[in-house]
Structure formats: C-alpha cells, structure tokens
C-alpha cells in the first residue's frame, strides 16, 4: 500500500485519469488494428467474382487449376485480396475460348 502512495504522490487526479485513458486507448488500438487489417484482406467468392468480372463457376475452375488460391475458414471459402490483385497483374488473361480458358 505504501508503494501506491509514493507513486500517486505529486500527481493530480486529472493527470492520472488522462494517463490511464491514453494507456487504454493505446492498448485498444493495438488490439483492433491487426484484426481489422486481417478481415479487410479476406474477401468472399462473390466479391472476387465481381472484382474479376467472372462467374462463380469460372472462379471455381480458376481456383481448382491453381490460378487463384482460396482459404477455407470454417464453412466459408475466402481469398486474400492482395493475392487476387497480384494474380491479375502477373497473368495476362486472354479471351475465353470454347472449352476452357487460355492464360499466358
């Protein structure tokens, strides 16, 4: 108990509350940012199909052939946005032909 009295001696109550508030904000900020970042990096099949302007069956085919990588989280299939964007820039997707697709 004497340690508490020494630590609190010479500091005003408002200053102490402000310091506590700053520490709480900092800790909450450190917890929330990585979670929000990870959630925003993962996009659904529907979002990928809209982004690439392809159908869901085509997305399935591209994933199965290895053009895109999917991640199963529970019962959901998600894609990393950065990987989808990277696959677009790395590959020169050409017009579809009957019976499948061509890619460089």
PDB file of N, CA and C in Angstrom:
ATOM      1  N   UNK A   1       0.819  -1.191   0.000  1.00  0.00           N
ATOM      2  CA  UNK A   1       0.000   0.000   0.000  1.00  0.00           C
ATOM      3  C   UNK A   1       0.860   1.250   0.000  1.00  0.00           C
ATOM      4  N   UNK A   2       2.010   1.202   0.643  1.00  0.00           N
ATOM      5  CA  UNK A   2       2.874   2.378   0.675  1.00  0.00           C
ATOM      6  C   UNK A   2       3.437   2.684  -0.709  1.00  0.00           C
ATOM      7  N   UNK A   3       3.658   1.666  -1.530  1.00  0.00           N
ATOM      8  CA  UNK A   3       4.131   1.911  -2.893  1.00  0.00           C
ATOM      9  C   UNK A   3       3.116   2.718  -3.684  1.00  0.00           C
ATOM     10  N   UNK A   4       1.839   2.452  -3.490  1.00  0.00           N
ATOM     11  CA  UNK A   4       0.795   3.193  -4.192  1.00  0.00           C
ATOM     12  C   UNK A   4       0.806   4.648  -3.768  1.00  0.00           C
ATOM     13  N   UNK A   5       0.999   4.919  -2.510  1.00  0.00           N
ATOM     14  CA  UNK A   5       1.010   6.289  -2.040  1.00  0.00           C
ATOM     15  C   UNK A   5       2.190   7.056  -2.615  1.00  0.00           C
ATOM     16  N   UNK A   6       3.330   6.412  -2.752  1.00  0.00           N
ATOM     17  CA  UNK A   6       4.512   7.081  -3.290  1.00  0.00           C
ATOM     18  C   UNK A   6       4.302   7.365  -4.780  1.00  0.00           C
ATOM     19  N   UNK A   7       3.728   6.420  -5.507  1.00  0.00           N
ATOM     20  CA  UNK A   7       3.513   6.596  -6.931  1.00  0.00           C
ATOM     21  C   UNK A   7       2.497   7.695  -7.212  1.00  0.00           C
ATOM     22  N   UNK A   8       1.495   7.814  -6.397  1.00  0.00           N
ATOM     23  CA  UNK A   8       0.442   8.784  -6.626  1.00  0.00           C
ATOM     24  C   UNK A   8       0.758  10.150  -6.020  1.00  0.00           C
ATOM     25  N   UNK A   9       1.771  10.215  -5.237  1.00  0.00           N
ATOM     26  CA  UNK A   9       2.143  11.469  -4.598  1.00  0.00           C
ATOM     27  C   UNK A   9       2.671  12.448  -5.647  1.00  0.00           C
ATOM     28  N   UNK A  10       2.137  13.664  -5.694  1.00  0.00           N
ATOM     29  CA  UNK A  10       2.635  14.687  -6.591  1.00  0.00           C
ATOM     30  C   UNK A  10       1.981  14.701  -7.960  1.00  0.00           C
ATOM     31  N   UNK A  11       0.988  13.863  -8.207  1.00  0.00           N
ATOM     32  CA  UNK A  11       0.287  13.868  -9.494  1.00  0.00           C
ATOM     33  C   UNK A  11      -1.175  14.223  -9.228  1.00  0.00           C
ATOM     34  N   UNK A  12      -1.700  15.074 -10.070  1.00  0.00           N
ATOM     35  CA  UNK A  12      -3.093  15.481  -9.901  1.00  0.00           C
ATOM     36  C   UNK A  12      -4.000  14.371 -10.432  1.00  0.00           C
ATOM     37  N   UNK A  13      -5.205  14.345  -9.906  1.00  0.00           N
ATOM     38  CA  UNK A  13      -6.172  13.318 -10.288  1.00  0.00           C
ATOM     39  C   UNK A  13      -6.476  13.399 -11.779  1.00  0.00           C
ATOM     40  N   UNK A  14      -6.646  14.601 -12.315  1.00  0.00           N
ATOM     41  CA  UNK A  14      -6.934  14.766 -13.743  1.00  0.00           C
ATOM     42  C   UNK A  14      -5.797  14.227 -14.608  1.00  0.00           C
ATOM     43  N   UNK A  15      -4.545  14.481 -14.184  1.00  0.00           N
ATOM     44  CA  UNK A  15      -3.392  13.979 -14.927  1.00  0.00           C
ATOM     45  C   UNK A  15      -3.349  12.459 -14.906  1.00  0.00           C
ATOM     46  N   UNK A  16      -3.659  11.888 -13.756  1.00  0.00           N
ATOM     47  CA  UNK A  16      -3.675  10.437 -13.624  1.00  0.00           C
ATOM     48  C   UNK A  16      -4.749   9.824 -14.531  1.00  0.00           C
ATOM     49  N   UNK A  17      -5.945  10.399 -14.514  1.00  0.00           N
ATOM     50  CA  UNK A  17      -7.026   9.900 -15.362  1.00  0.00           C
ATOM     51  C   UNK A  17      -6.678  10.028 -16.844  1.00  0.00           C
ATOM     52  N   UNK A  18      -6.023  11.125 -17.199  1.00  0.00           N
ATOM     53  CA  UNK A  18      -5.613  11.320 -18.596  1.00  0.00           C
ATOM     54  C   UNK A  18      -4.597  10.254 -19.008  1.00  0.00           C
ATOM     55  N   UNK A  19      -3.623   9.976 -18.160  1.00  0.00           N
ATOM     56  CA  UNK A  19      -2.613   8.949 -18.442  1.00  0.00           C
ATOM     57  C   UNK A  19      -3.268   7.574 -18.574  1.00  0.00           C
ATOM     58  N   UNK A  20      -4.189   7.257 -17.690  1.00  0.00           N
ATOM     59  CA  UNK A  20      -4.895   5.975 -17.755  1.00  0.00           C
ATOM     60  C   UNK A  20      -5.686   5.881 -19.057  1.00  0.00           C
ATOM     61  N   UNK A  21      -6.369   6.963 -19.420  1.00  0.00           N
ATOM     62  CA  UNK A  21      -7.124   6.987 -20.671  1.00  0.00           C
ATOM     63  C   UNK A  21      -6.234   6.772 -21.883  1.00  0.00           C
ATOM     64  N   UNK A  22      -5.071   7.406 -21.901  1.00  0.00           N
ATOM     65  CA  UNK A  22      -4.131   7.245 -23.006  1.00  0.00           C
ATOM     66  C   UNK A  22      -3.647   5.805 -23.114  1.00  0.00           C
ATOM     67  N   UNK A  23      -3.337   5.200 -21.980  1.00  0.00           N
ATOM     68  CA  UNK A  23      -2.884   3.804 -21.990  1.00  0.00           C
ATOM     69  C   UNK A  23      -3.975   2.866 -22.491  1.00  0.00           C
ATOM     70  N   UNK A  24      -5.197   3.098 -22.065  1.00  0.00           N
ATOM     71  CA  UNK A  24      -6.318   2.262 -22.515  1.00  0.00           C
ATOM     72  C   UNK A  24      -6.528   2.416 -24.015  1.00  0.00           C
ATOM     73  N   UNK A  25      -6.522   3.664 -24.502  1.00  0.00           N
ATOM     74  CA  UNK A  25      -6.681   3.901 -25.947  1.00  0.00           C
ATOM     75  C   UNK A  25      -5.581   3.216 -26.744  1.00  0.00           C
ATOM     76  N   UNK A  26      -4.365   3.300 -26.244  1.00  0.00           N
ATOM     77  CA  UNK A  26      -3.228   2.681 -26.933  1.00  0.00           C
ATOM     78  C   UNK A  26      -3.390   1.167 -26.983  1.00  0.00           C
ATOM     79  N   UNK A  27      -3.769   0.558 -25.882  1.00  0.00           N
ATOM     80  CA  UNK A  27      -3.941  -0.895 -25.832  1.00  0.00           C
ATOM     81  C   UNK A  27      -5.092  -1.348 -26.724  1.00  0.00           C
ATOM     82  N   UNK A  28      -6.188  -0.634 -26.704  1.00  0.00           N
ATOM     83  CA  UNK A  28      -7.333  -0.981 -27.552  1.00  0.00           C
ATOM     84  C   UNK A  28      -6.954  -0.821 -29.020  1.00  0.00           C
ATOM     85  N   UNK A  29      -6.232   0.233 -29.342  1.00  0.00           N
ATOM     86  CA  UNK A  29      -5.779   0.457 -30.716  1.00  0.00           C
ATOM     87  C   UNK A  29      -4.888  -0.667 -31.211  1.00  0.00           C
ATOM     88  N   UNK A  30      -3.991  -1.161 -30.364  1.00  0.00           N
ATOM     89  CA  UNK A  30      -3.098  -2.252 -30.738  1.00  0.00           C
ATOM     90  C   UNK A  30      -3.864  -3.548 -30.971  1.00  0.00           C
ATOM     91  N   UNK A  31      -4.943  -3.736 -30.260  1.00  0.00           N
ATOM     92  CA  UNK A  31      -5.741  -4.952 -30.415  1.00  0.00           C
ATOM     93  C   UNK A  31      -6.589  -4.874 -31.671  1.00  0.00           C
ATOM     94  N   UNK A  32      -7.210  -3.735 -31.952  1.00  0.00           N
ATOM     95  CA  UNK A  32      -8.167  -3.613 -33.052  1.00  0.00           C
ATOM     96  C   UNK A  32      -7.504  -3.559 -34.419  1.00  0.00           C
ATOM     97  N   UNK A  33      -6.393  -2.897 -34.572  1.00  0.00           N
ATOM     98  CA  UNK A  33      -5.808  -2.701 -35.895  1.00  0.00           C
ATOM     99  C   UNK A  33      -5.446  -4.000 -36.603  1.00  0.00           C
ATOM    100  N   UNK A  34      -4.735  -4.945 -35.979  1.00  0.00           N
ATOM    101  CA  UNK A  34      -4.425  -6.169 -36.708  1.00  0.00           C
ATOM    102  C   UNK A  34      -5.675  -6.947 -37.114  1.00  0.00           C
ATOM    103  N   UNK A  35      -6.685  -6.982 -36.271  1.00  0.00           N
ATOM    104  CA  UNK A  35      -7.912  -7.704 -36.591  1.00  0.00           C
ATOM    105  C   UNK A  35      -8.606  -7.084 -37.785  1.00  0.00           C
ATOM    106  N   UNK A  36      -8.735  -5.770 -37.785  1.00  0.00           N
ATOM    107  CA  UNK A  36      -9.381  -5.094 -38.905  1.00  0.00           C
ATOM    108  C   UNK A  36      -8.589  -5.295 -40.179  1.00  0.00           C
ATOM    109  N   UNK A  37      -7.273  -5.280 -40.078  1.00  0.00           N
ATOM    110  CA  UNK A  37      -6.433  -5.458 -41.257  1.00  0.00           C
ATOM    111  C   UNK A  37      -6.632  -6.855 -41.839  1.00  0.00           C
ATOM    112  N   UNK A  38      -6.620  -7.867 -40.999  1.00  0.00           N
ATOM    113  CA  UNK A  38      -6.800  -9.232 -41.477  1.00  0.00           C
ATOM    114  C   UNK A  38      -8.171  -9.438 -42.091  1.00  0.00           C
ATOM    115  N   UNK A  39      -9.204  -8.869 -41.485  1.00  0.00           N
ATOM    116  CA  UNK A  39     -10.546  -9.041 -42.008  1.00  0.00           C
ATOM    117  C   UNK A  39     -10.703  -8.350 -43.346  1.00  0.00           C
ATOM    118  N   UNK A  40     -10.089  -7.197 -43.501  1.00  0.00           N
ATOM    119  CA  UNK A  40     -10.245  -6.484 -44.761  1.00  0.00           C
ATOM    120  C   UNK A  40      -9.440  -7.131 -45.874  1.00  0.00           C
ATOM    121  N   UNK A  41      -8.439  -7.924 -45.536  1.00  0.00           N
ATOM    122  CA  UNK A  41      -7.633  -8.609 -46.540  1.00  0.00           C
ATOM    123  C   UNK A  41      -8.346  -9.805 -47.117  1.00  0.00           C
ATOM    124  N   UNK A  42      -9.309 -10.362 -46.421  1.00  0.00           N
ATOM    125  CA  UNK A  42     -10.013 -11.541 -46.894  1.00  0.00           C
ATOM    126  C   UNK A  42     -11.319 -11.133 -47.557  1.00  0.00           C
ATOM    127  N   UNK A  43     -11.537 -11.660 -48.761  1.00  0.00           N
ATOM    128  CA  UNK A  43     -12.773 -11.339 -49.471  1.00  0.00           C
ATOM    129  C   UNK A  43     -13.469 -12.623 -49.894  1.00  0.00           C
ATOM    130  N   UNK A  44     -14.764 -12.535 -50.038  1.00  0.00           N
ATOM    131  CA  UNK A  44     -15.586 -13.709 -50.333  1.00  0.00           C
ATOM    132  C   UNK A  44     -15.493 -14.073 -51.812  1.00  0.00           C
ATOM    133  N   UNK A  45     -16.021 -15.245 -52.148  1.00  0.00           N
ATOM    134  CA  UNK A  45     -16.064 -15.702 -53.533  1.00  0.00           C
ATOM    135  C   UNK A  45     -16.855 -14.716 -54.392  1.00  0.00           C
ATOM    136  N   UNK A  46     -17.948 -14.234 -53.849  1.00  0.00           N
ATOM    137  CA  UNK A  46     -18.798 -13.300 -54.586  1.00  0.00           C
ATOM    138  C   UNK A  46     -18.042 -12.000 -54.895  1.00  0.00           C
ATOM    139  N   UNK A  47     -17.289 -11.514 -53.914  1.00  0.00           N
ATOM    140  CA  UNK A  47     -16.519 -10.286 -54.114  1.00  0.00           C
ATOM    141  C   UNK A  47     -15.414 -10.486 -55.152  1.00  0.00           C
ATOM    142  N   UNK A  48     -14.774 -11.659 -55.126  1.00  0.00           N
ATOM    143  CA  UNK A  48     -13.731 -11.952 -56.110  1.00  0.00           C
ATOM    144  C   UNK A  48     -14.330 -12.027 -57.505  1.00  0.00           C
ATOM    145  N   UNK A  49     -15.477 -12.684 -57.621  1.00  0.00           N
ATOM    146  CA  UNK A  49     -16.108 -12.814 -58.943  1.00  0.00           C
ATOM    147  C   UNK A  49     -16.514 -11.441 -59.487  1.00  0.00           C
ATOM    148  N   UNK A  50     -16.981 -10.562 -58.615  1.00  0.00           N
ATOM    149  CA  UNK A  50     -17.325  -9.198 -59.042  1.00  0.00           C
ATOM    150  C   UNK A  50     -16.071  -8.420 -59.455  1.00  0.00           C
ATOM    151  N   UNK A  51     -15.010  -8.569 -58.652  1.00  0.00           N
ATOM    152  CA  UNK A  51     -13.755  -7.866 -58.922  1.00  0.00           C
ATOM    153  C   UNK A  51     -13.155  -8.297 -60.261  1.00  0.00           C
ATOM    154  N   UNK A  52     -13.181  -9.597 -60.532  1.00  0.00           N
ATOM    155  CA  UNK A  52     -12.596 -10.118 -61.767  1.00  0.00           C
ATOM    156  C   UNK A  52     -13.587 -10.143 -62.927  1.00  0.00           C
ATOM    157  N   UNK A  53     -14.845  -9.838 -62.608  1.00  0.00           N
ATOM    158  CA  UNK A  53     -15.926  -9.866 -63.600  1.00  0.00           C
ATOM    159  C   UNK A  53     -16.038 -11.240 -64.260  1.00  0.00           C
ATOM    160  N   UNK A  54     -16.105 -12.254 -63.384  1.00  0.00           N
ATOM    161  CA  UNK A  54     -16.257 -13.632 -63.840  1.00  0.00           C
ATOM    162  C   UNK A  54     -17.376 -14.280 -63.041  1.00  0.00           C
ATOM    163  N   UNK A  55     -17.853 -15.416 -63.506  1.00  0.00           N
ATOM    164  CA  UNK A  55     -18.911 -16.136 -62.793  1.00  0.00           C
ATOM    165  C   UNK A  55     -18.301 -16.969 -61.667  1.00  0.00           C
ATOM    166  N   UNK A  56     -19.150 -17.406 -60.743  1.00  0.00           N
ATOM    167  CA  UNK A  56     -18.679 -18.254 -59.645  1.00  0.00           C
ATOM    168  C   UNK A  56     -18.133 -19.590 -60.151  1.00  0.00           C
ATOM    169  N   UNK A  57     -18.780 -20.235 -61.156  1.00  0.00           N
ATOM    170  CA  UNK A  57     -18.183 -21.472 -61.683  1.00  0.00           C
ATOM    171  C   UNK A  57     -16.794 -21.244 -62.295  1.00  0.00           C
ATOM    172  N   UNK A  58     -16.600 -20.107 -62.968  1.00  0.00           N
ATOM    173  CA  UNK A  58     -15.291 -19.793 -63.531  1.00  0.00           C
ATOM    174  C   UNK A  58     -14.277 -19.582 -62.407  1.00  0.00           C
ATOM    175  N   UNK A  59     -14.676 -18.907 -61.358  1.00  0.00           N
ATOM    176  CA  UNK A  59     -13.809 -18.709 -60.200  1.00  0.00           C
ATOM    177  C   UNK A  59     -13.407 -20.056 -59.617  1.00  0.00           C
ATOM    178  N   UNK A  60     -14.350 -20.960 -59.522  1.00  0.00           N
ATOM    179  CA  UNK A  60     -14.065 -22.309 -59.013  1.00  0.00           C
ATOM    180  C   UNK A  60     -13.036 -23.002 -59.908  1.00  0.00           C
ATOM    181  N   UNK A  61     -13.219 -22.890 -61.216  1.00  0.00           N
ATOM    182  CA  UNK A  61     -12.285 -23.515 -62.159  1.00  0.00           C
ATOM    183  C   UNK A  61     -10.883 -22.920 -62.025  1.00  0.00           C
ATOM    184  N   UNK A  62     -10.799 -21.591 -61.902  1.00  0.00           N
ATOM    185  CA  UNK A  62      -9.509 -20.938 -61.775  1.00  0.00           C
ATOM    186  C   UNK A  62      -8.819 -21.347 -60.475  1.00  0.00           C
ATOM    187  N   UNK A  63      -9.606 -21.497 -59.420  1.00  0.00           N
ATOM    188  CA  UNK A  63      -9.044 -21.913 -58.136  1.00  0.00           C
ATOM    189  C   UNK A  63      -8.552 -23.356 -58.233  1.00  0.00           C
ATOM    190  N   UNK A  64      -9.347 -24.197 -58.838  1.00  0.00           N
ATOM    191  CA  UNK A  64      -9.001 -25.614 -58.979  1.00  0.00           C
ATOM    192  C   UNK A  64      -7.749 -25.796 -59.838  1.00  0.00           C
ATOM    193  N   UNK A  65      -7.588 -24.950 -60.868  1.00  0.00           N
ATOM    194  CA  UNK A  65      -6.425 -25.052 -61.755  1.00  0.00           C
ATOM    195  C   UNK A  65      -5.175 -24.377 -61.179  1.00  0.00           C
ATOM    196  N   UNK A  66      -5.323 -23.664 -60.057  1.00  0.00           N
ATOM    197  CA  UNK A  66      -4.168 -23.058 -59.411  1.00  0.00           C
ATOM    198  C   UNK A  66      -3.914 -21.606 -59.781  1.00  0.00           C
ATOM    199  N   UNK A  67      -4.776 -21.016 -60.572  1.00  0.00           N
ATOM    200  CA  UNK A  67      -4.602 -19.599 -60.910  1.00  0.00           C
ATOM    201  C   UNK A  67      -4.826 -18.702 -59.700  1.00  0.00           C
ATOM    202  N   UNK A  68      -5.724 -19.108 -58.820  1.00  0.00           N
ATOM    203  CA  UNK A  68      -6.018 -18.381 -57.586  1.00  0.00           C
ATOM    204  C   UNK A  68      -5.944 -19.346 -56.416  1.00  0.00           C
ATOM    205  N   UNK A  69      -5.600 -18.814 -55.255  1.00  0.00           N
ATOM    206  CA  UNK A  69      -5.531 -19.631 -54.047  1.00  0.00           C
ATOM    207  C   UNK A  69      -6.666 -19.241 -53.109  1.00  0.00           C
ATOM    208  N   UNK A  70      -7.418 -20.243 -52.670  1.00  0.00           N
ATOM    209  CA  UNK A  70      -8.515 -19.979 -51.734  1.00  0.00           C
ATOM    210  C   UNK A  70      -8.136 -20.499 -50.355  1.00  0.00           C
ATOM    211  N   UNK A  71      -8.836 -19.987 -49.359  1.00  0.00           N
ATOM    212  CA  UNK A  71      -8.610 -20.381 -47.969  1.00  0.00           C
ATOM    213  C   UNK A  71      -9.954 -20.720 -47.345  1.00  0.00           C
ATOM    214  N   UNK A  72     -10.034 -21.885 -46.744  1.00  0.00           N
ATOM    215  CA  UNK A  72     -11.263 -22.298 -46.077  1.00  0.00           C
ATOM    216  C   UNK A  72     -11.166 -21.897 -44.619  1.00  0.00           C
ATOM    217  N   UNK A  73     -12.118 -21.099 -44.197  1.00  0.00           N
ATOM    218  CA  UNK A  73     -12.211 -20.693 -42.795  1.00  0.00           C
ATOM    219  C   UNK A  73     -13.596 -21.091 -42.335  1.00  0.00           C
ATOM    220  N   UNK A  74     -13.659 -22.145 -41.560  1.00  0.00           N
ATOM    221  CA  UNK A  74     -14.956 -22.706 -41.175  1.00  0.00           C
ATOM    222  C   UNK A  74     -15.629 -23.263 -42.410  1.00  0.00           C
ATOM    223  N   UNK A  75     -16.827 -22.810 -42.677  1.00  0.00           N
ATOM    224  CA  UNK A  75     -17.547 -23.272 -43.857  1.00  0.00           C
ATOM    225  C   UNK A  75     -17.410 -22.300 -45.025  1.00  0.00           C
ATOM    226  N   UNK A  76     -16.659 -21.227 -44.831  1.00  0.00           N
ATOM    227  CA  UNK A  76     -16.525 -20.196 -45.863  1.00  0.00           C
ATOM    228  C   UNK A  76     -15.246 -20.381 -46.660  1.00  0.00           C
ATOM    229  N   UNK A  77     -15.305 -20.031 -47.931  1.00  0.00           N
ATOM    230  CA  UNK A  77     -14.128 -20.022 -48.786  1.00  0.00           C
ATOM    231  C   UNK A  77     -13.815 -18.563 -49.071  1.00  0.00           C
ATOM    232  N   UNK A  78     -12.603 -18.153 -48.686  1.00  0.00           N
ATOM    233  CA  UNK A  78     -12.200 -16.759 -48.827  1.00  0.00           C
ATOM    234  C   UNK A  78     -10.906 -16.667 -49.617  1.00  0.00           C
ATOM    235  N   UNK A  79     -10.654 -15.485 -50.130  1.00  0.00           N
ATOM    236  CA  UNK A  79      -9.451 -15.205 -50.902  1.00  0.00           C
ATOM    237  C   UNK A  79      -8.765 -13.992 -50.306  1.00  0.00           C
ATOM    238  N   UNK A  80      -7.440 -13.964 -50.397  1.00  0.00           N
ATOM    239  CA  UNK A  80      -6.700 -12.792 -49.946  1.00  0.00           C
ATOM    240  C   UNK A  80      -6.714 -11.771 -51.074  1.00  0.00           C
ATOM    241  N   UNK A  81      -7.159 -10.569 -50.756  1.00  0.00           N
ATOM    242  CA  UNK A  81      -7.286  -9.505 -51.748  1.00  0.00           C
ATOM    243  C   UNK A  81      -5.964  -9.241 -52.453  1.00  0.00           C
ATOM    244  N   UNK A  82      -4.881  -9.184 -51.703  1.00  0.00           N
ATOM    245  CA  UNK A  82      -3.568  -8.906 -52.291  1.00  0.00           C
ATOM    246  C   UNK A  82      -3.185  -9.986 -53.304  1.00  0.00           C
ATOM    247  N   UNK A  83      -3.488 -11.251 -52.997  1.00  0.00           N
ATOM    248  CA  UNK A  83      -3.165 -12.342 -53.916  1.00  0.00           C
ATOM    249  C   UNK A  83      -4.010 -12.274 -55.179  1.00  0.00           C
ATOM    250  N   UNK A  84      -5.276 -11.898 -55.038  1.00  0.00           N
ATOM    251  CA  UNK A  84      -6.144 -11.770 -56.208  1.00  0.00           C
ATOM    252  C   UNK A  84      -5.625 -10.651 -57.100  1.00  0.00           C
ATOM    253  N   UNK A  85      -5.297  -9.512 -56.495  1.00  0.00           N
ATOM    254  CA  UNK A  85      -4.773  -8.385 -57.266  1.00  0.00           C
ATOM    255  C   UNK A  85      -3.448  -8.728 -57.926  1.00  0.00           C
ATOM    256  N   UNK A  86      -2.611  -9.457 -57.203  1.00  0.00           N
ATOM    257  CA  UNK A  86      -1.314  -9.866 -57.747  1.00  0.00           C
ATOM    258  C   UNK A  86      -1.488 -10.823 -58.921  1.00  0.00           C
ATOM    259  N   UNK A  87      -2.437 -11.734 -58.821  1.00  0.00           N
ATOM    260  CA  UNK A  87      -2.658 -12.689 -59.906  1.00  0.00           C
ATOM    261  C   UNK A  87      -3.155 -11.981 -61.159  1.00  0.00           C
ATOM    262  N   UNK A  88      -3.883 -10.892 -60.984  1.00  0.00           N
ATOM    263  CA  UNK A  88      -4.365 -10.129 -62.134  1.00  0.00           C
ATOM    264  C   UNK A  88      -3.182  -9.477 -62.851  1.00  0.00           C
ATOM    265  N   UNK A  89      -2.277  -8.888 -62.092  1.00  0.00           N
ATOM    266  CA  UNK A  89      -1.156  -8.179 -62.702  1.00  0.00           C
ATOM    267  C   UNK A  89      -0.104  -9.134 -63.247  1.00  0.00           C
ATOM    268  N   UNK A  90       0.053 -10.304 -62.663  1.00  0.00           N
ATOM    269  CA  UNK A  90       1.077 -11.248 -63.110  1.00  0.00           C
ATOM    270  C   UNK A  90       0.669 -11.990 -64.379  1.00  0.00           C
ATOM    271  N   UNK A  91      -0.590 -12.260 -64.535  1.00  0.00           N
ATOM    272  CA  UNK A  91      -1.052 -13.052 -65.664  1.00  0.00           C
ATOM    273  C   UNK A  91      -1.757 -12.164 -66.671  1.00  0.00           C
ATOM    274  N   UNK A  92      -1.544 -12.477 -67.916  1.00  0.00           N
ATOM    275  CA  UNK A  92      -2.211 -11.765 -68.992  1.00  0.00           C
ATOM    276  C   UNK A  92      -3.378 -12.637 -69.429  1.00  0.00           C
ATOM    277  N   UNK A  93      -4.533 -12.437 -68.813  1.00  0.00           N
ATOM    278  CA  UNK A  93      -5.690 -13.253 -69.138  1.00  0.00           C
ATOM    279  C   UNK A  93      -6.188 -12.884 -70.529  1.00  0.00           C
ATOM    280  N   UNK A  94      -6.358 -13.892 -71.347  1.00  0.00           N
ATOM    281  CA  UNK A  94      -6.809 -13.667 -72.715  1.00  0.00           C
ATOM    282  C   UNK A  94      -8.277 -14.017 -72.821  1.00  0.00           C
ATOM    283  N   UNK A  95      -8.832 -13.745 -73.968  1.00  0.00           N
ATOM    284  CA  UNK A  95     -10.245 -14.047 -74.212  1.00  0.00           C
ATOM    285  C   UNK A  95     -10.499 -15.528 -74.008  1.00  0.00           C
ATOM    286  N   UNK A  96     -11.667 -15.819 -73.499  1.00  0.00           N
ATOM    287  CA  UNK A  96     -12.065 -17.197 -73.300  1.00  0.00           C
ATOM    288  C   UNK A  96     -12.381 -17.833 -74.651  1.00  0.00           C
ATOM    289  N   UNK A  97     -12.051 -19.094 -74.747  1.00  0.00           N
ATOM    290  CA  UNK A  97     -12.417 -19.864 -75.926  1.00  0.00           C
ATOM    291  C   UNK A  97     -13.312 -20.996 -75.483  1.00  0.00           C
ATOM    292  N   UNK A  98     -14.060 -21.489 -76.410  1.00  0.00           N
ATOM    293  CA  UNK A  98     -14.959 -22.600 -76.115  1.00  0.00           C
ATOM    294  C   UNK A  98     -14.137 -23.763 -75.549  1.00  0.00           C
ATOM    295  N   UNK A  99     -14.627 -24.296 -74.444  1.00  0.00           N
ATOM    296  CA  UNK A  99     -13.955 -25.458 -73.844  1.00  0.00           C
ATOM    297  C   UNK A  99     -12.917 -25.092 -72.801  1.00  0.00           C
ATOM    298  N   UNK A 100     -12.840 -23.860 -72.397  1.00  0.00           N
ATOM    299  CA  UNK A 100     -11.888 -23.523 -71.343  1.00  0.00           C
ATOM    300  C   UNK A 100     -11.330 -22.126 -71.521  1.00  0.00           C
ATOM    301  N   UNK A 101     -10.201 -21.879 -70.862  1.00  0.00           N
ATOM    302  CA  UNK A 101      -9.595 -20.558 -70.922  1.00  0.00           C
ATOM    303  C   UNK A 101      -8.139 -20.695 -71.277  1.00  0.00           C
ATOM    304  N   UNK A 102      -7.577 -19.660 -71.810  1.00  0.00           N
ATOM    305  CA  UNK A 102      -6.149 -19.600 -72.101  1.00  0.00           C
ATOM    306  C   UNK A 102      -5.538 -18.560 -71.201  1.00  0.00           C
ATOM    307  N   UNK A 103      -4.370 -18.838 -70.712  1.00  0.00           N
ATOM    308  CA  UNK A 103      -3.649 -17.826 -69.955  1.00  0.00           C
ATOM    309  C   UNK A 103      -2.177 -17.929 -70.296  1.00  0.00           C
ATOM    310  N   UNK A 104      -1.502 -16.824 -70.191  1.00  0.00           N
ATOM    311  CA  UNK A 104      -0.074 -16.782 -70.561  1.00  0.00           C
ATOM    312  C   UNK A 104       0.762 -17.373 -69.472  1.00  0.00           C
TER     313      UNK A 104
END
